[in-house]
N, C-alpha and C. Protein backbone atom coordinates (compact mmCIF):
# COMPACT_ATOMS: atom_id res chain seq x y z
N MET A 1 -31.54 29.15 -21.14
CA MET A 1 -32.18 30.05 -22.02
C MET A 1 -32.06 29.52 -23.29
N LYS A 2 -33.13 29.58 -24.09
CA LYS A 2 -33.10 29.16 -25.38
C LYS A 2 -33.67 30.20 -26.38
N THR A 3 -33.25 30.25 -27.69
CA THR A 3 -33.62 31.09 -28.52
C THR A 3 -34.76 30.52 -29.55
N ILE A 4 -35.81 31.18 -29.90
CA ILE A 4 -36.81 30.53 -30.69
C ILE A 4 -37.11 31.69 -31.85
N THR A 5 -37.64 31.18 -33.02
CA THR A 5 -37.70 31.86 -34.18
C THR A 5 -39.21 31.90 -34.42
N ILE A 6 -40.02 33.09 -34.39
CA ILE A 6 -41.34 33.18 -34.84
C ILE A 6 -41.55 34.18 -35.96
N SER A 7 -42.87 34.11 -36.41
CA SER A 7 -43.24 35.27 -37.70
C SER A 7 -43.13 36.42 -37.04
N ASP A 8 -43.14 37.55 -37.80
CA ASP A 8 -43.39 38.92 -37.59
C ASP A 8 -44.70 39.11 -36.96
N GLU A 9 -45.76 38.43 -37.37
CA GLU A 9 -47.11 38.27 -37.17
C GLU A 9 -47.21 37.78 -35.82
N VAL A 10 -46.59 36.74 -35.35
CA VAL A 10 -46.80 36.31 -34.21
C VAL A 10 -46.08 37.14 -33.10
N TYR A 11 -44.85 37.67 -33.44
CA TYR A 11 -44.31 38.45 -32.59
C TYR A 11 -45.07 39.72 -32.06
N GLU A 12 -45.62 40.41 -33.16
CA GLU A 12 -46.46 41.52 -32.95
C GLU A 12 -47.78 41.27 -31.78
N LYS A 13 -48.44 39.97 -32.20
CA LYS A 13 -49.46 39.62 -31.37
C LYS A 13 -49.10 39.31 -29.77
N LEU A 14 -47.76 38.67 -29.84
CA LEU A 14 -47.36 38.41 -28.44
C LEU A 14 -46.88 39.82 -27.73
N ALA A 15 -46.39 40.77 -28.41
CA ALA A 15 -45.74 41.94 -28.03
C ALA A 15 -47.09 42.76 -27.58
N ARG A 16 -48.21 42.78 -28.19
CA ARG A 16 -49.53 43.39 -27.73
C ARG A 16 -49.91 42.72 -26.40
N LEU A 17 -49.81 41.34 -26.30
CA LEU A 17 -50.41 40.68 -25.33
C LEU A 17 -49.75 40.90 -24.06
N LYS A 18 -48.28 41.01 -24.12
CA LYS A 18 -47.49 40.92 -23.05
C LYS A 18 -47.62 42.17 -21.98
N GLY A 19 -47.57 43.24 -22.66
CA GLY A 19 -47.80 44.45 -21.72
C GLY A 19 -46.34 44.72 -21.26
N LYS A 20 -46.36 44.84 -19.80
CA LYS A 20 -45.09 44.89 -19.10
C LYS A 20 -44.44 43.57 -18.77
N LYS A 21 -45.16 42.52 -19.05
CA LYS A 21 -44.49 40.97 -18.66
C LYS A 21 -43.50 40.71 -19.61
N SER A 22 -42.45 39.85 -19.53
CA SER A 22 -41.84 39.27 -20.42
C SER A 22 -42.27 38.50 -21.34
N PHE A 23 -41.70 38.27 -22.50
CA PHE A 23 -42.28 37.19 -23.55
C PHE A 23 -42.28 35.86 -22.92
N SER A 24 -41.36 35.33 -22.11
CA SER A 24 -41.47 34.26 -21.53
C SER A 24 -42.83 34.00 -20.51
N GLU A 25 -42.90 34.88 -19.80
CA GLU A 25 -44.08 34.95 -18.81
C GLU A 25 -45.31 35.15 -19.73
N THR A 26 -45.32 35.84 -20.58
CA THR A 26 -46.61 35.63 -21.39
C THR A 26 -46.89 34.49 -22.05
N ILE A 27 -45.92 33.82 -22.58
CA ILE A 27 -45.96 32.31 -23.34
C ILE A 27 -46.30 31.51 -22.10
N ASP A 28 -45.76 31.32 -21.13
CA ASP A 28 -45.93 30.56 -20.11
C ASP A 28 -47.52 30.76 -19.84
N GLU A 29 -47.92 31.84 -19.53
CA GLU A 29 -49.35 32.19 -19.00
C GLU A 29 -50.31 31.55 -20.15
N LEU A 30 -50.14 31.74 -21.45
CA LEU A 30 -50.84 31.04 -22.46
C LEU A 30 -50.99 29.63 -22.50
N ILE A 31 -49.84 29.01 -22.23
CA ILE A 31 -49.62 27.71 -22.13
C ILE A 31 -50.44 27.15 -20.88
N ARG A 32 -50.46 27.85 -19.63
CA ARG A 32 -51.02 27.43 -18.56
C ARG A 32 -52.68 27.55 -18.82
N LYS A 33 -53.13 28.52 -19.47
CA LYS A 33 -54.42 28.81 -19.57
C LYS A 33 -54.85 27.77 -20.52
N ASN A 34 -54.21 27.28 -21.72
CA ASN A 34 -54.41 26.24 -22.54
C ASN A 34 -54.72 24.96 -21.80
N VAL A 35 -53.71 24.56 -20.84
CA VAL A 35 -53.62 23.45 -20.16
C VAL A 35 -54.99 23.05 -19.47
N GLU A 36 -55.23 24.42 -18.62
CA GLU A 36 -56.42 24.44 -17.67
C GLU A 36 -57.81 24.44 -18.36
N LYS A 37 -57.79 24.99 -19.56
CA LYS A 37 -58.99 24.78 -20.32
C LYS A 37 -59.32 23.56 -20.84
N ARG A 38 -58.17 22.71 -21.30
CA ARG A 38 -58.35 21.20 -21.64
C ARG A 38 -58.67 20.43 -20.28
N ILE A 39 -58.29 20.64 -19.24
CA ILE A 39 -58.56 19.94 -18.27
C ILE A 39 -60.06 20.15 -17.80
N GLU A 40 -60.47 21.36 -17.73
CA GLU A 40 -61.67 21.51 -17.60
C GLU A 40 -62.83 20.77 -18.38
N MET A 41 -62.41 20.73 -19.61
CA MET A 41 -62.99 20.07 -20.65
C MET A 41 -63.38 18.67 -20.58
N LEU A 42 -62.23 18.04 -19.87
CA LEU A 42 -62.12 16.56 -19.81
C LEU A 42 -62.83 16.18 -18.65
N ILE A 43 -62.76 17.12 -17.60
CA ILE A 43 -63.70 16.88 -16.34
C ILE A 43 -65.09 16.99 -16.51
N ALA A 44 -65.59 18.01 -17.42
CA ALA A 44 -67.09 18.25 -17.89
C ALA A 44 -67.44 16.86 -18.73
N SER A 45 -66.47 16.42 -19.45
CA SER A 45 -66.85 15.33 -20.36
C SER A 45 -66.93 13.93 -19.35
N ALA A 46 -66.12 13.96 -18.58
CA ALA A 46 -66.09 12.57 -17.48
C ALA A 46 -67.19 12.83 -16.63
N GLU A 47 -67.69 13.86 -16.24
CA GLU A 47 -69.08 14.04 -15.38
C GLU A 47 -70.18 13.24 -16.14
N ARG A 48 -70.27 13.34 -17.32
CA ARG A 48 -71.18 12.69 -18.18
C ARG A 48 -71.17 11.22 -18.20
N THR A 49 -69.87 10.90 -17.93
CA THR A 49 -69.73 9.21 -18.16
C THR A 49 -69.62 8.72 -16.67
N GLY A 50 -69.49 9.56 -15.67
CA GLY A 50 -69.45 8.94 -14.27
C GLY A 50 -67.93 8.52 -13.77
N ASN A 51 -66.90 9.02 -14.66
CA ASN A 51 -65.56 8.83 -14.50
C ASN A 51 -64.83 10.02 -13.70
N GLU A 52 -65.52 11.10 -13.30
CA GLU A 52 -65.06 12.40 -12.59
C GLU A 52 -63.99 12.13 -11.77
N LYS A 53 -64.11 11.27 -10.66
CA LYS A 53 -63.22 11.11 -9.54
C LYS A 53 -61.64 10.77 -10.11
N GLU A 54 -61.78 9.67 -10.97
CA GLU A 54 -60.47 9.19 -11.55
C GLU A 54 -59.97 10.55 -12.30
N LEU A 55 -60.70 11.22 -13.28
CA LEU A 55 -60.03 12.29 -14.09
C LEU A 55 -59.72 13.38 -13.19
N GLU A 56 -60.21 13.91 -12.09
CA GLU A 56 -60.00 14.90 -11.21
C GLU A 56 -58.59 14.64 -10.53
N ARG A 57 -58.37 13.16 -10.31
CA ARG A 57 -57.08 12.79 -9.71
C ARG A 57 -55.87 12.96 -10.67
N ILE A 58 -56.20 12.60 -12.20
CA ILE A 58 -55.27 12.77 -13.06
C ILE A 58 -55.00 14.18 -13.33
N SER A 59 -56.07 15.14 -13.44
CA SER A 59 -56.13 16.43 -13.65
C SER A 59 -54.94 17.09 -12.69
N LYS A 60 -55.08 16.79 -11.39
CA LYS A 60 -54.14 17.37 -10.36
C LYS A 60 -52.74 17.04 -10.62
N GLU A 61 -52.76 15.82 -11.31
CA GLU A 61 -51.06 15.35 -11.48
C GLU A 61 -50.65 16.27 -12.76
N ILE A 62 -51.45 16.60 -13.64
CA ILE A 62 -51.27 17.25 -14.89
C ILE A 62 -51.04 18.73 -14.41
N ARG A 63 -51.71 19.20 -13.46
CA ARG A 63 -51.56 20.70 -13.03
C ARG A 63 -50.35 20.89 -12.16
N LYS A 64 -49.94 19.85 -11.56
CA LYS A 64 -48.51 19.76 -10.80
C LYS A 64 -47.52 19.87 -11.68
N GLY A 65 -47.62 19.02 -12.90
CA GLY A 65 -46.40 19.01 -13.96
C GLY A 65 -46.50 20.29 -14.59
N PHE A 66 -47.58 21.11 -14.75
CA PHE A 66 -47.44 22.32 -15.48
C PHE A 66 -47.51 23.52 -14.46
N LYS A 67 -47.22 23.26 -13.24
CA LYS A 67 -47.34 24.30 -12.16
C LYS A 67 -48.55 25.20 -12.43
N VAL A 68 -49.71 24.58 -12.69
CA VAL A 68 -50.90 25.39 -12.76
C VAL A 68 -51.45 25.49 -11.30
N ARG A 69 -52.03 26.83 -11.09
CA ARG A 69 -52.47 26.98 -9.58
C ARG A 69 -53.84 26.36 -9.64
N LEU A 70 -54.08 25.71 -8.52
CA LEU A 70 -55.28 24.94 -8.19
C LEU A 70 -56.51 25.89 -8.01
């Protein structure tokens, strides 16, 4: 376990977002959503260039690394 310092403003935003979840769960969820959104954007871009198969393979590896649900 590690301790981090955040501003009061960010703390208040996280506290509102987390509901009954822990801060760690909330932060992890936000990170996963961000990673998933970026992967989706990359795949959409790759579809325009014809490289979607390779990018889908890479995105699966990224998802595994971040333990993002497929």
